[in-house]
Structure formats: structure tokens, C-alpha cells
Amino acid sequence: MTTLALVLGALVAMAAVFVVARPFLREPAAKDDRLETRGELEQRRLALAEERDRALAALKELEFDHRTGKVSDEDYRAAVGPLRRSAAEALRALEPRAEAGHERVRTTS
């Protein structure tokens, strides 16, 4: 009788393990693992952000190299201008445009 109870208990335990493990053993449906595609505008914004990051990183590295003496003053002056322009262009392209109806407020002193 004890043997029958042990066998029955083992079968119930194996069935419970199978029921619990079953969801983890299935393959996910194909539609679940597709990545969301980005629109053209989002891709352009991402490319501009990457360009901005590259230009700012290059400026930071140039500043560091100039301060540590790896880059001479002449080379620094020649390289810093184009890098600043590139970073500024990317930043301008990323910032939201002001509406046409808004005017700048000028202060008079």
C-alpha cells in the first residue's frame, strides 16, 4: 500500500512539474518577436542625435588633448572651428522650430 501511495505521489508531482513548466517550454509566436519599425522622421532625428554626439565627443577629446599638450595651439585652432560648426548644426536641426507667428521680444535699455 505504501508503494502504491509513493508511485501515485510521484505521478502527481511529475504532472504538477509538467503543468508549471509547459509555458516556459513553448516557442514564442512569430508576431511577438518583431521589432517596431521606425518612421523616416524618427530615423532622421536619431541620425542627427548621433551626429551631435559624435561632434561633441570629438570636441571633448580635442579639448583634453590640447590641455595635456598633445595638440598644439595651431592645430587646435584649425580643428575646433569645424567641430563646433558641426555640433551647432546638429543641435539646431534637433531643436523644435518656433512657430512662424511668434516674434522675438526685444528689450530696450
PDB file of N, CA and C in Angstrom:
ATOM      1  N   MET A   1       0.817  -1.185   0.000  1.00  0.00           N
ATOM      2  CA  MET A   1       0.000   0.000   0.000  1.00  0.00           C
ATOM      3  C   MET A   1       0.871   1.264   0.000  1.00  0.00           C
ATOM      4  N   THR A   2       1.948   1.283   0.757  1.00  0.00           N
ATOM      5  CA  THR A   2       2.843   2.427   0.779  1.00  0.00           C
ATOM      6  C   THR A   2       3.522   2.614  -0.570  1.00  0.00           C
ATOM      7  N   THR A   3       3.804   1.517  -1.235  1.00  0.00           N
ATOM      8  CA  THR A   3       4.422   1.621  -2.552  1.00  0.00           C
ATOM      9  C   THR A   3       3.451   2.271  -3.531  1.00  0.00           C
ATOM     10  N   LEU A   4       2.210   1.883  -3.466  1.00  0.00           N
ATOM     11  CA  LEU A   4       1.191   2.480  -4.330  1.00  0.00           C
ATOM     12  C   LEU A   4       1.041   3.979  -4.050  1.00  0.00           C
ATOM     13  N   ALA A   5       1.092   4.380  -2.811  1.00  0.00           N
ATOM     14  CA  ALA A   5       0.991   5.795  -2.434  1.00  0.00           C
ATOM     15  C   ALA A   5       2.201   6.573  -2.938  1.00  0.00           C
ATOM     16  N   LEU A   6       3.398   5.972  -2.846  1.00  0.00           N
ATOM     17  CA  LEU A   6       4.613   6.631  -3.346  1.00  0.00           C
ATOM     18  C   LEU A   6       4.571   6.806  -4.857  1.00  0.00           C
ATOM     19  N   VAL A   7       4.140   5.781  -5.565  1.00  0.00           N
ATOM     20  CA  VAL A   7       4.046   5.857  -7.025  1.00  0.00           C
ATOM     21  C   VAL A   7       3.012   6.905  -7.425  1.00  0.00           C
ATOM     22  N   LEU A   8       1.879   6.881  -6.760  1.00  0.00           N
ATOM     23  CA  LEU A   8       0.833   7.864  -7.048  1.00  0.00           C
ATOM     24  C   LEU A   8       1.306   9.293  -6.736  1.00  0.00           C
ATOM     25  N   GLY A   9       2.016   9.477  -5.641  1.00  0.00           N
ATOM     26  CA  GLY A   9       2.575  10.791  -5.276  1.00  0.00           C
ATOM     27  C   GLY A   9       3.596  11.265  -6.300  1.00  0.00           C
ATOM     28  N   ALA A  10       4.441  10.336  -6.787  1.00  0.00           N
ATOM     29  CA  ALA A  10       5.438  10.680  -7.801  1.00  0.00           C
ATOM     30  C   ALA A  10       4.771  11.088  -9.105  1.00  0.00           C
ATOM     31  N   LEU A  11       3.704  10.391  -9.500  1.00  0.00           N
ATOM     32  CA  LEU A  11       2.973  10.746 -10.725  1.00  0.00           C
ATOM     33  C   LEU A  11       2.323  12.116 -10.603  1.00  0.00           C
ATOM     34  N   VAL A  12       1.736  12.409  -9.455  1.00  0.00           N
ATOM     35  CA  VAL A  12       1.110  13.718  -9.235  1.00  0.00           C
ATOM     36  C   VAL A  12       2.177  14.818  -9.267  1.00  0.00           C
ATOM     37  N   ALA A  13       3.340  14.560  -8.659  1.00  0.00           N
ATOM     38  CA  ALA A  13       4.422  15.544  -8.652  1.00  0.00           C
ATOM     39  C   ALA A  13       4.939  15.795 -10.072  1.00  0.00           C
ATOM     40  N   MET A  14       5.110  14.739 -10.873  1.00  0.00           N
ATOM     41  CA  MET A  14       5.578  14.904 -12.253  1.00  0.00           C
ATOM     42  C   MET A  14       4.553  15.663 -13.084  1.00  0.00           C
ATOM     43  N   ALA A  15       3.269  15.382 -12.865  1.00  0.00           N
ATOM     44  CA  ALA A  15       2.228  16.099 -13.590  1.00  0.00           C
ATOM     45  C   ALA A  15       2.240  17.581 -13.222  1.00  0.00           C
ATOM     46  N   ALA A  16       2.446  17.884 -11.939  1.00  0.00           N
ATOM     47  CA  ALA A  16       2.495  19.287 -11.499  1.00  0.00           C
ATOM     48  C   ALA A  16       3.689  20.010 -12.115  1.00  0.00           C
ATOM     49  N   VAL A  17       4.840  19.363 -12.154  1.00  0.00           N
ATOM     50  CA  VAL A  17       6.036  19.960 -12.763  1.00  0.00           C
ATOM     51  C   VAL A  17       5.794  20.210 -14.247  1.00  0.00           C
ATOM     52  N   PHE A  18       5.179  19.267 -14.930  1.00  0.00           N
ATOM     53  CA  PHE A  18       4.893  19.428 -16.356  1.00  0.00           C
ATOM     54  C   PHE A  18       3.946  20.602 -16.604  1.00  0.00           C
ATOM     55  N   VAL A  19       2.888  20.703 -15.810  1.00  0.00           N
ATOM     56  CA  VAL A  19       1.915  21.784 -15.984  1.00  0.00           C
ATOM     57  C   VAL A  19       2.561  23.138 -15.727  1.00  0.00           C
ATOM     58  N   VAL A  20       3.405  23.234 -14.717  1.00  0.00           N
ATOM     59  CA  VAL A  20       4.054  24.505 -14.384  1.00  0.00           C
ATOM     60  C   VAL A  20       5.101  24.865 -15.433  1.00  0.00           C
ATOM     61  N   ALA A  21       5.857  23.895 -15.939  1.00  0.00           N
ATOM     62  CA  ALA A  21       6.943  24.164 -16.878  1.00  0.00           C
ATOM     63  C   ALA A  21       6.476  24.357 -18.314  1.00  0.00           C
ATOM     64  N   ARG A  22       5.281  23.937 -18.640  1.00  0.00           N
ATOM     65  CA  ARG A  22       4.791  23.976 -20.017  1.00  0.00           C
ATOM     66  C   ARG A  22       4.844  25.359 -20.676  1.00  0.00           C
ATOM     67  N   PRO A  23       4.426  26.434 -20.017  1.00  0.00           N
ATOM     68  CA  PRO A  23       4.508  27.741 -20.687  1.00  0.00           C
ATOM     69  C   PRO A  23       5.941  28.165 -21.008  1.00  0.00           C
ATOM     70  N   PHE A  24       6.904  27.719 -20.227  1.00  0.00           N
ATOM     71  CA  PHE A  24       8.289  28.102 -20.455  1.00  0.00           C
ATOM     72  C   PHE A  24       8.945  27.295 -21.562  1.00  0.00           C
ATOM     73  N   LEU A  25       8.363  26.174 -21.925  1.00  0.00           N
ATOM     74  CA  LEU A  25       8.927  25.309 -22.945  1.00  0.00           C
ATOM     75  C   LEU A  25       8.415  25.621 -24.345  1.00  0.00           C
ATOM     76  N   ARG A  26       7.353  26.408 -24.457  1.00  0.00           N
ATOM     77  CA  ARG A  26       6.794  26.743 -25.766  1.00  0.00           C
ATOM     78  C   ARG A  26       7.621  27.830 -26.447  1.00  0.00           C
ATOM     79  N   GLU A  27       7.660  27.793 -27.757  1.00  0.00           N
ATOM     80  CA  GLU A  27       8.307  28.832 -28.546  1.00  0.00           C
ATOM     81  C   GLU A  27       7.369  30.034 -28.627  1.00  0.00           C
ATOM     82  N   PRO A  28       7.908  31.257 -28.583  1.00  0.00           N
ATOM     83  CA  PRO A  28       7.025  32.415 -28.708  1.00  0.00           C
ATOM     84  C   PRO A  28       6.464  32.516 -30.123  1.00  0.00           C
ATOM     85  N   ALA A  29       5.325  33.112 -30.234  1.00  0.00           N
ATOM     86  CA  ALA A  29       4.707  33.292 -31.551  1.00  0.00           C
ATOM     87  C   ALA A  29       5.563  34.248 -32.380  1.00  0.00           C
ATOM     88  N   ALA A  30       5.580  34.052 -33.684  1.00  0.00           N
ATOM     89  CA  ALA A  30       6.427  34.859 -34.560  1.00  0.00           C
ATOM     90  C   ALA A  30       6.095  36.343 -34.484  1.00  0.00           C
ATOM     91  N   LYS A  31       4.845  36.690 -34.304  1.00  0.00           N
ATOM     92  CA  LYS A  31       4.489  38.104 -34.273  1.00  0.00           C
ATOM     93  C   LYS A  31       4.982  38.798 -33.006  1.00  0.00           C
ATOM     94  N   ASP A  32       5.330  38.024 -31.965  1.00  0.00           N
ATOM     95  CA  ASP A  32       5.781  38.607 -30.709  1.00  0.00           C
ATOM     96  C   ASP A  32       7.220  39.107 -30.763  1.00  0.00           C
ATOM     97  N   ASP A  33       8.056  38.555 -31.661  1.00  0.00           N
ATOM     98  CA  ASP A  33       9.439  38.978 -31.648  1.00  0.00           C
ATOM     99  C   ASP A  33       9.826  39.896 -32.798  1.00  0.00           C
ATOM    100  N   ARG A  34       8.872  40.529 -33.431  1.00  0.00           N
ATOM    101  CA  ARG A  34       9.200  41.519 -34.456  1.00  0.00           C
ATOM    102  C   ARG A  34       9.457  42.861 -33.791  1.00  0.00           C
ATOM    103  N   LEU A  35      10.493  43.537 -34.271  1.00  0.00           N
ATOM    104  CA  LEU A  35      10.796  44.861 -33.751  1.00  0.00           C
ATOM    105  C   LEU A  35       9.927  45.901 -34.436  1.00  0.00           C
ATOM    106  N   GLU A  36       9.619  46.929 -33.700  1.00  0.00           N
ATOM    107  CA  GLU A  36       8.816  48.015 -34.254  1.00  0.00           C
ATOM    108  C   GLU A  36       9.669  48.818 -35.234  1.00  0.00           C
ATOM    109  N   THR A  37       9.150  49.082 -36.407  1.00  0.00           N
ATOM    110  CA  THR A  37       9.903  49.850 -37.386  1.00  0.00           C
ATOM    111  C   THR A  37       9.725  51.332 -37.113  1.00  0.00           C
ATOM    112  N   ARG A  38      10.791  52.052 -37.312  1.00  0.00           N
ATOM    113  CA  ARG A  38      10.765  53.488 -37.080  1.00  0.00           C
ATOM    114  C   ARG A  38      10.418  54.201 -38.372  1.00  0.00           C
ATOM    115  N   GLY A  39       9.729  55.303 -38.230  1.00  0.00           N
ATOM    116  CA  GLY A  39       9.381  56.113 -39.381  1.00  0.00           C
ATOM    117  C   GLY A  39      10.581  56.895 -39.881  1.00  0.00           C
ATOM    118  N   GLU A  40      10.434  57.481 -41.040  1.00  0.00           N
ATOM    119  CA  GLU A  40      11.535  58.233 -41.649  1.00  0.00           C
ATOM    120  C   GLU A  40      11.945  59.420 -40.787  1.00  0.00           C
ATOM    121  N   LEU A  41      10.969  60.108 -40.205  1.00  0.00           N
ATOM    122  CA  LEU A  41      11.258  61.261 -39.354  1.00  0.00           C
ATOM    123  C   LEU A  41      12.037  60.837 -38.105  1.00  0.00           C
ATOM    124  N   GLU A  42      11.645  59.725 -37.502  1.00  0.00           N
ATOM    125  CA  GLU A  42      12.338  59.227 -36.307  1.00  0.00           C
ATOM    126  C   GLU A  42      13.760  58.783 -36.657  1.00  0.00           C
ATOM    127  N   GLN A  43      13.950  58.179 -37.823  1.00  0.00           N
ATOM    128  CA  GLN A  43      15.290  57.775 -38.250  1.00  0.00           C
ATOM    129  C   GLN A  43      16.173  58.994 -38.473  1.00  0.00           C
ATOM    130  N   ARG A  44      15.624  60.041 -39.060  1.00  0.00           N
ATOM    131  CA  ARG A  44      16.386  61.279 -39.287  1.00  0.00           C
ATOM    132  C   ARG A  44      16.779  61.922 -37.959  1.00  0.00           C
ATOM    133  N   ARG A  45      15.827  61.949 -36.997  1.00  0.00           N
ATOM    134  CA  ARG A  45      16.115  62.534 -35.694  1.00  0.00           C
ATOM    135  C   ARG A  45      17.203  61.735 -34.972  1.00  0.00           C
ATOM    136  N   LEU A  46      17.153  60.421 -35.096  1.00  0.00           N
ATOM    137  CA  LEU A  46      18.163  59.573 -34.479  1.00  0.00           C
ATOM    138  C   LEU A  46      19.538  59.795 -35.117  1.00  0.00           C
ATOM    139  N   ALA A  47      19.582  59.927 -36.434  1.00  0.00           N
ATOM    140  CA  ALA A  47      20.850  60.185 -37.132  1.00  0.00           C
ATOM    141  C   ALA A  47      21.432  61.527 -36.703  1.00  0.00           C
ATOM    142  N   LEU A  48      20.580  62.546 -36.555  1.00  0.00           N
ATOM    143  CA  LEU A  48      21.060  63.856 -36.106  1.00  0.00           C
ATOM    144  C   LEU A  48      21.581  63.799 -34.672  1.00  0.00           C
ATOM    145  N   ALA A  49      20.908  63.051 -33.824  1.00  0.00           N
ATOM    146  CA  ALA A  49      21.364  62.912 -32.438  1.00  0.00           C
ATOM    147  C   ALA A  49      22.719  62.203 -32.386  1.00  0.00           C
ATOM    148  N   GLU A  50      22.906  61.210 -33.230  1.00  0.00           N
ATOM    149  CA  GLU A  50      24.193  60.512 -33.280  1.00  0.00           C
ATOM    150  C   GLU A  50      25.284  61.436 -33.806  1.00  0.00           C
ATOM    151  N   GLU A  51      24.964  62.241 -34.809  1.00  0.00           N
ATOM    152  CA  GLU A  51      25.928  63.197 -35.347  1.00  0.00           C
ATOM    153  C   GLU A  51      26.325  64.210 -34.280  1.00  0.00           C
ATOM    154  N   ARG A  52      25.327  64.696 -33.525  1.00  0.00           N
ATOM    155  CA  ARG A  52      25.591  65.643 -32.435  1.00  0.00           C
ATOM    156  C   ARG A  52      26.504  65.010 -31.393  1.00  0.00           C
ATOM    157  N   ASP A  53      26.221  63.784 -31.017  1.00  0.00           N
ATOM    158  CA  ASP A  53      27.020  63.105 -30.005  1.00  0.00           C
ATOM    159  C   ASP A  53      28.459  62.891 -30.472  1.00  0.00           C
ATOM    160  N   ARG A  54      28.623  62.531 -31.749  1.00  0.00           N
ATOM    161  CA  ARG A  54      29.979  62.342 -32.279  1.00  0.00           C
ATOM    162  C   ARG A  54      30.759  63.653 -32.276  1.00  0.00           C
ATOM    163  N   ALA A  55      30.111  64.743 -32.689  1.00  0.00           N
ATOM    164  CA  ALA A  55      30.782  66.037 -32.741  1.00  0.00           C
ATOM    165  C   ALA A  55      31.147  66.515 -31.340  1.00  0.00           C
ATOM    166  N   LEU A  56      30.253  66.352 -30.382  1.00  0.00           N
ATOM    167  CA  LEU A  56      30.545  66.782 -29.012  1.00  0.00           C
ATOM    168  C   LEU A  56      31.649  65.933 -28.385  1.00  0.00           C
ATOM    169  N   ALA A  57      31.652  64.634 -28.679  1.00  0.00           N
ATOM    170  CA  ALA A  57      32.717  63.768 -28.169  1.00  0.00           C
ATOM    171  C   ALA A  57      34.066  64.141 -28.785  1.00  0.00           C
ATOM    172  N   ALA A  58      34.074  64.471 -30.065  1.00  0.00           N
ATOM    173  CA  ALA A  58      35.315  64.883 -30.721  1.00  0.00           C
ATOM    174  C   ALA A  58      35.813  66.199 -30.140  1.00  0.00           C
ATOM    175  N   LEU A  59      34.888  67.131 -29.864  1.00  0.00           N
ATOM    176  CA  LEU A  59      35.285  68.397 -29.233  1.00  0.00           C
ATOM    177  C   LEU A  59      35.883  68.160 -27.851  1.00  0.00           C
ATOM    178  N   LYS A  60      35.261  67.301 -27.090  1.00  0.00           N
ATOM    179  CA  LYS A  60      35.752  66.999 -25.742  1.00  0.00           C
ATOM    180  C   LYS A  60      37.157  66.392 -25.808  1.00  0.00           C
ATOM    181  N   GLU A  61      37.343  65.471 -26.748  1.00  0.00           N
ATOM    182  CA  GLU A  61      38.656  64.840 -26.889  1.00  0.00           C
ATOM    183  C   GLU A  61      39.703  65.848 -27.351  1.00  0.00           C
ATOM    184  N   LEU A  62      39.329  66.731 -28.274  1.00  0.00           N
ATOM    185  CA  LEU A  62      40.251  67.754 -28.750  1.00  0.00           C
ATOM    186  C   LEU A  62      40.644  68.694 -27.610  1.00  0.00           C
ATOM    187  N   GLU A  63      39.658  69.114 -26.806  1.00  0.00           N
ATOM    188  CA  GLU A  63      39.951  69.976 -25.654  1.00  0.00           C
ATOM    189  C   GLU A  63      40.919  69.282 -24.697  1.00  0.00           C
ATOM    190  N   PHE A  64      40.680  68.014 -24.406  1.00  0.00           N
ATOM    191  CA  PHE A  64      41.541  67.267 -23.496  1.00  0.00           C
ATOM    192  C   PHE A  64      42.959  67.171 -24.061  1.00  0.00           C
ATOM    193  N   ASP A  65      43.056  66.813 -25.345  1.00  0.00           N
ATOM    194  CA  ASP A  65      44.380  66.689 -25.967  1.00  0.00           C
ATOM    195  C   ASP A  65      45.111  68.025 -25.996  1.00  0.00           C
ATOM    196  N   HIS A  66      44.393  69.119 -26.187  1.00  0.00           N
ATOM    197  CA  HIS A  66      45.015  70.448 -26.195  1.00  0.00           C
ATOM    198  C   HIS A  66      45.520  70.806 -24.800  1.00  0.00           C
ATOM    199  N   ARG A  67      44.705  70.513 -23.791  1.00  0.00           N
ATOM    200  CA  ARG A  67      45.110  70.835 -22.412  1.00  0.00           C
ATOM    201  C   ARG A  67      46.297  69.999 -21.943  1.00  0.00           C
ATOM    202  N   THR A  68      46.385  68.772 -22.412  1.00  0.00           N
ATOM    203  CA  THR A  68      47.501  67.914 -21.995  1.00  0.00           C
ATOM    204  C   THR A  68      48.737  68.117 -22.865  1.00  0.00           C
ATOM    205  N   GLY A  69      48.640  68.942 -23.897  1.00  0.00           N
ATOM    206  CA  GLY A  69      49.798  69.247 -24.726  1.00  0.00           C
ATOM    207  C   GLY A  69      49.983  68.318 -25.904  1.00  0.00           C
ATOM    208  N   LYS A  70      49.056  67.429 -26.159  1.00  0.00           N
ATOM    209  CA  LYS A  70      49.177  66.523 -27.309  1.00  0.00           C
ATOM    210  C   LYS A  70      48.862  67.229 -28.617  1.00  0.00           C
ATOM    211  N   VAL A  71      48.070  68.313 -28.541  1.00  0.00           N
ATOM    212  CA  VAL A  71      47.690  69.071 -29.724  1.00  0.00           C
ATOM    213  C   VAL A  71      48.208  70.496 -29.550  1.00  0.00           C
ATOM    214  N   SER A  72      48.913  71.001 -30.559  1.00  0.00           N
ATOM    215  CA  SER A  72      49.464  72.357 -30.479  1.00  0.00           C
ATOM    216  C   SER A  72      48.347  73.386 -30.611  1.00  0.00           C
ATOM    217  N   ASP A  73      48.667  74.641 -30.271  1.00  0.00           N
ATOM    218  CA  ASP A  73      47.680  75.716 -30.367  1.00  0.00           C
ATOM    219  C   ASP A  73      47.196  75.911 -31.802  1.00  0.00           C
ATOM    220  N   GLU A  74      48.120  75.815 -32.761  1.00  0.00           N
ATOM    221  CA  GLU A  74      47.749  75.992 -34.170  1.00  0.00           C
ATOM    222  C   GLU A  74      46.807  74.888 -34.640  1.00  0.00           C
ATOM    223  N   ASP A  75      47.150  73.655 -34.308  1.00  0.00           N
ATOM    224  CA  ASP A  75      46.304  72.524 -34.705  1.00  0.00           C
ATOM    225  C   ASP A  75      44.940  72.602 -34.016  1.00  0.00           C
ATOM    226  N   TYR A  76      44.944  73.047 -32.766  1.00  0.00           N
ATOM    227  CA  TYR A  76      43.683  73.185 -32.031  1.00  0.00           C
ATOM    228  C   TYR A  76      42.781  74.210 -32.708  1.00  0.00           C
ATOM    229  N   ARG A  77      43.349  75.376 -33.037  1.00  0.00           N
ATOM    230  CA  ARG A  77      42.549  76.427 -33.689  1.00  0.00           C
ATOM    231  C   ARG A  77      42.016  75.965 -35.044  1.00  0.00           C
ATOM    232  N   ALA A  78      42.794  75.178 -35.762  1.00  0.00           N
ATOM    233  CA  ALA A  78      42.372  74.695 -37.079  1.00  0.00           C
ATOM    234  C   ALA A  78      41.253  73.656 -36.957  1.00  0.00           C
ATOM    235  N   ALA A  79      41.273  72.862 -35.901  1.00  0.00           N
ATOM    236  CA  ALA A  79      40.309  71.765 -35.780  1.00  0.00           C
ATOM    237  C   ALA A  79      39.044  72.143 -35.015  1.00  0.00           C
ATOM    238  N   VAL A  80      39.131  73.096 -34.109  1.00  0.00           N
ATOM    239  CA  VAL A  80      37.993  73.385 -33.245  1.00  0.00           C
ATOM    240  C   VAL A  80      36.829  74.042 -33.993  1.00  0.00           C
ATOM    241  N   GLY A  81      37.109  74.871 -34.953  1.00  0.00           N
ATOM    242  CA  GLY A  81      36.050  75.575 -35.703  1.00  0.00           C
ATOM    243  C   GLY A  81      35.100  74.627 -36.425  1.00  0.00           C
ATOM    244  N   PRO A  82      35.621  73.745 -37.277  1.00  0.00           N
ATOM    245  CA  PRO A  82      34.719  72.807 -37.968  1.00  0.00           C
ATOM    246  C   PRO A  82      33.947  71.888 -37.023  1.00  0.00           C
ATOM    247  N   LEU A  83      34.581  71.480 -35.942  1.00  0.00           N
ATOM    248  CA  LEU A  83      33.878  70.624 -34.982  1.00  0.00           C
ATOM    249  C   LEU A  83      32.741  71.379 -34.295  1.00  0.00           C
ATOM    250  N   ARG A  84      32.989  72.618 -33.936  1.00  0.00           N
ATOM    251  CA  ARG A  84      31.936  73.431 -33.311  1.00  0.00           C
ATOM    252  C   ARG A  84      30.788  73.673 -34.280  1.00  0.00           C
ATOM    253  N   ARG A  85      31.119  73.955 -35.542  1.00  0.00           N
ATOM    254  CA  ARG A  85      30.067  74.164 -36.544  1.00  0.00           C
ATOM    255  C   ARG A  85      29.226  72.908 -36.730  1.00  0.00           C
ATOM    256  N   SER A  86      29.892  71.767 -36.787  1.00  0.00           N
ATOM    257  CA  SER A  86      29.174  70.505 -36.960  1.00  0.00           C
ATOM    258  C   SER A  86      28.240  70.244 -35.777  1.00  0.00           C
ATOM    259  N   ALA A  87      28.723  70.470 -34.570  1.00  0.00           N
ATOM    260  CA  ALA A  87      27.889  70.265 -33.382  1.00  0.00           C
ATOM    261  C   ALA A  87      26.732  71.258 -33.366  1.00  0.00           C
ATOM    262  N   ALA A  88      26.997  72.507 -33.724  1.00  0.00           N
ATOM    263  CA  ALA A  88      25.943  73.533 -33.721  1.00  0.00           C
ATOM    264  C   ALA A  88      24.879  73.224 -34.772  1.00  0.00           C
ATOM    265  N   GLU A  89      25.281  72.774 -35.945  1.00  0.00           N
ATOM    266  CA  GLU A  89      24.310  72.426 -36.988  1.00  0.00           C
ATOM    267  C   GLU A  89      23.411  71.275 -36.547  1.00  0.00           C
ATOM    268  N   ALA A  90      24.006  70.280 -35.925  1.00  0.00           N
ATOM    269  CA  ALA A  90      23.209  69.139 -35.450  1.00  0.00           C
ATOM    270  C   ALA A  90      22.257  69.569 -34.337  1.00  0.00           C
ATOM    271  N   LEU A  91      22.731  70.422 -33.446  1.00  0.00           N
ATOM    272  CA  LEU A  91      21.875  70.913 -32.363  1.00  0.00           C
ATOM    273  C   LEU A  91      20.721  71.741 -32.912  1.00  0.00           C
ATOM    274  N   ARG A  92      21.012  72.609 -33.880  1.00  0.00           N
ATOM    275  CA  ARG A  92      19.958  73.430 -34.490  1.00  0.00           C
ATOM    276  C   ARG A  92      18.929  72.569 -35.204  1.00  0.00           C
ATOM    277  N   ALA A  93      19.395  71.532 -35.876  1.00  0.00           N
ATOM    278  CA  ALA A  93      18.475  70.658 -36.608  1.00  0.00           C
ATOM    279  C   ALA A  93      17.586  69.866 -35.652  1.00  0.00           C
ATOM    280  N   LEU A  94      18.070  69.602 -34.452  1.00  0.00           N
ATOM    281  CA  LEU A  94      17.294  68.824 -33.489  1.00  0.00           C
ATOM    282  C   LEU A  94      16.299  69.657 -32.693  1.00  0.00           C
ATOM    283  N   GLU A  95      16.570  70.950 -32.529  1.00  0.00           N
ATOM    284  CA  GLU A  95      15.669  71.746 -31.687  1.00  0.00           C
ATOM    285  C   GLU A  95      14.361  72.020 -32.414  1.00  0.00           C
ATOM    286  N   PRO A  96      13.264  72.064 -31.667  1.00  0.00           N
ATOM    287  CA  PRO A  96      11.964  72.317 -32.307  1.00  0.00           C
ATOM    288  C   PRO A  96      11.923  73.727 -32.885  1.00  0.00           C
ATOM    289  N   ARG A  97      11.304  73.822 -34.004  1.00  0.00           N
ATOM    290  CA  ARG A  97      11.207  75.125 -34.688  1.00  0.00           C
ATOM    291  C   ARG A  97      10.158  75.992 -34.024  1.00  0.00           C
ATOM    292  N   ALA A  98      10.454  77.277 -33.963  1.00  0.00           N
ATOM    293  CA  ALA A  98       9.463  78.225 -33.432  1.00  0.00           C
ATOM    294  C   ALA A  98       8.395  78.430 -34.494  1.00  0.00           C
ATOM    295  N   GLU A  99       7.187  78.644 -34.047  1.00  0.00           N
ATOM    296  CA  GLU A  99       6.100  78.860 -34.992  1.00  0.00           C
ATOM    297  C   GLU A  99       6.307  80.191 -35.709  1.00  0.00           C
ATOM    298  N   ALA A 100       5.801  80.289 -36.919  1.00  0.00           N
ATOM    299  CA  ALA A 100       6.027  81.465 -37.748  1.00  0.00           C
ATOM    300  C   ALA A 100       5.405  82.712 -37.159  1.00  0.00           C
ATOM    301  N   GLY A 101       4.311  82.571 -36.423  1.00  0.00           N
ATOM    302  CA  GLY A 101       3.619  83.718 -35.874  1.00  0.00           C
ATOM    303  C   GLY A 101       4.287  84.345 -34.666  1.00  0.00           C
ATOM    304  N   HIS A 102       5.216  83.641 -34.047  1.00  0.00           N
ATOM    305  CA  HIS A 102       5.860  84.172 -32.854  1.00  0.00           C
ATOM    306  C   HIS A 102       6.966  85.118 -33.242  1.00  0.00           C
ATOM    307  N   GLU A 103       7.031  86.227 -32.543  1.00  0.00           N
ATOM    308  CA  GLU A 103       8.085  87.206 -32.778  1.00  0.00           C
ATOM    309  C   GLU A 103       8.973  87.266 -31.564  1.00  0.00           C
ATOM    310  N   ARG A 104      10.219  87.623 -31.806  1.00  0.00           N
ATOM    311  CA  ARG A 104      11.130  87.777 -30.680  1.00  0.00           C
ATOM    312  C   ARG A 104      10.820  89.079 -29.960  1.00  0.00           C
ATOM    313  N   VAL A 105      10.895  89.027 -28.686  1.00  0.00           N
ATOM    314  CA  VAL A 105      10.654  90.225 -27.892  1.00  0.00           C
ATOM    315  C   VAL A 105      11.990  90.903 -27.683  1.00  0.00           C
ATOM    316  N   ARG A 106      12.072  92.155 -28.069  1.00  0.00           N
ATOM    317  CA  ARG A 106      13.289  92.918 -27.906  1.00  0.00           C
ATOM    318  C   ARG A 106      13.142  93.832 -26.702  1.00  0.00           C
ATOM    319  N   THR A 107      14.183  93.873 -25.915  1.00  0.00           N
ATOM    320  CA  THR A 107      14.157  94.769 -24.751  1.00  0.00           C
ATOM    321  C   THR A 107      14.987  95.988 -25.076  1.00  0.00           C
ATOM    322  N   THR A 108      14.530  97.113 -24.630  1.00  0.00           N
ATOM    323  CA  THR A 108      15.276  98.354 -24.849  1.00  0.00           C
ATOM    324  C   THR A 108      15.833  98.815 -23.530  1.00  0.00           C
ATOM    325  N   SER A 109      17.045  99.268 -23.576  1.00  0.00           N
ATOM    326  CA  SER A 109      17.673  99.723 -22.333  1.00  0.00           C
ATOM    327  C   SER A 109      17.767 101.217 -22.299  1.00  0.00           C
TER     328      SER A 109
END
